[in-house]
Amino acid sequence: MKQWEIIEAIEQDQGKVSGAWVFQGTKIPVSALFENLRDGAVVA
């Protein structure tokens, strides 16, 4: 069950990035974070 709606740091708006979940106040998709981590990026 996805509960993205309760996380204040992300938002979904049909007018931003085709309705993808993005970090609040940006146009950066949350999926980009997971894709980068999958590909070996590290968060420092």
C-alpha atoms as a PDB file:
ATOM      1  CA  MET A   1       0.000   0.000   0.000  1.00  0.00           C
ATOM      2  CA  LYS A   2       1.425   3.369  -1.026  1.00  0.00           C
ATOM      3  CA  GLN A   3       0.962   6.130   1.511  1.00  0.00           C
ATOM      4  CA  TRP A   4       2.812   8.922  -0.277  1.00  0.00           C
ATOM      5  CA  GLU A   5      -0.019  11.315   0.609  1.00  0.00           C
ATOM      6  CA  ILE A   6       1.075  11.511   4.273  1.00  0.00           C
ATOM      7  CA  ILE A   7       4.700  12.473   3.524  1.00  0.00           C
ATOM      8  CA  GLU A   8       5.013  16.253   3.722  1.00  0.00           C
ATOM      9  CA  ALA A   9       8.277  16.427   1.747  1.00  0.00           C
ATOM     10  CA  ILE A  10       6.652  15.250  -1.485  1.00  0.00           C
ATOM     11  CA  GLU A  11       3.663  16.320  -3.511  1.00  0.00           C
ATOM     12  CA  GLN A  12       1.695  15.332  -6.572  1.00  0.00           C
ATOM     13  CA  ASP A  13       0.269  17.906  -8.964  1.00  0.00           C
ATOM     14  CA  GLN A  14      -1.069  17.112 -12.413  1.00  0.00           C
ATOM     15  CA  GLY A  15       0.509  20.375 -13.615  1.00  0.00           C
ATOM     16  CA  LYS A  16       4.025  19.270 -12.624  1.00  0.00           C
ATOM     17  CA  VAL A  17       5.933  16.502 -14.380  1.00  0.00           C
ATOM     18  CA  SER A  18       2.749  14.844 -15.675  1.00  0.00           C
ATOM     19  CA  GLY A  19       1.444  14.185 -12.180  1.00  0.00           C
ATOM     20  CA  ALA A  20       4.482  12.291 -10.909  1.00  0.00           C
ATOM     21  CA  TRP A  21       5.343  12.456  -7.221  1.00  0.00           C
ATOM     22  CA  VAL A  22       7.956  15.222  -6.808  1.00  0.00           C
ATOM     23  CA  PHE A  23       9.892  16.717  -3.927  1.00  0.00           C
ATOM     24  CA  GLN A  24       7.827  19.585  -2.556  1.00  0.00           C
ATOM     25  CA  GLY A  25       8.521  22.909  -4.230  1.00  0.00           C
ATOM     26  CA  THR A  26      10.530  21.310  -7.058  1.00  0.00           C
ATOM     27  CA  LYS A  27      10.001  19.470 -10.312  1.00  0.00           C
ATOM     28  CA  ILE A  28      12.385  16.662  -9.285  1.00  0.00           C
ATOM     29  CA  PRO A  29      10.605  13.295  -9.377  1.00  0.00           C
ATOM     30  CA  VAL A  30      10.959  11.110  -6.308  1.00  0.00           C
ATOM     31  CA  SER A  31      11.559   8.213  -8.697  1.00  0.00           C
ATOM     32  CA  ALA A  32      14.809   9.917  -9.788  1.00  0.00           C
ATOM     33  CA  LEU A  33      16.211   9.463  -6.271  1.00  0.00           C
ATOM     34  CA  PHE A  34      15.457   5.742  -6.266  1.00  0.00           C
ATOM     35  CA  GLU A  35      16.812   5.285  -9.792  1.00  0.00           C
ATOM     36  CA  ASN A  36      20.074   7.002  -8.855  1.00  0.00           C
ATOM     37  CA  LEU A  37      20.423   4.899  -5.682  1.00  0.00           C
ATOM     38  CA  ARG A  38      19.739   1.750  -7.708  1.00  0.00           C
ATOM     39  CA  ASP A  39      22.475   2.769 -10.134  1.00  0.00           C
ATOM     40  CA  GLY A  40      25.048   3.190  -7.354  1.00  0.00           C
ATOM     41  CA  ALA A  41      24.771   6.812  -6.260  1.00  0.00           C
ATOM     42  CA  VAL A  42      25.344   7.526  -2.581  1.00  0.00           C
ATOM     43  CA  VAL A  43      23.738  10.131  -0.345  1.00  0.00           C
ATOM     44  CA  ALA A  44      26.407  11.932   1.628  1.00  0.00           C
END
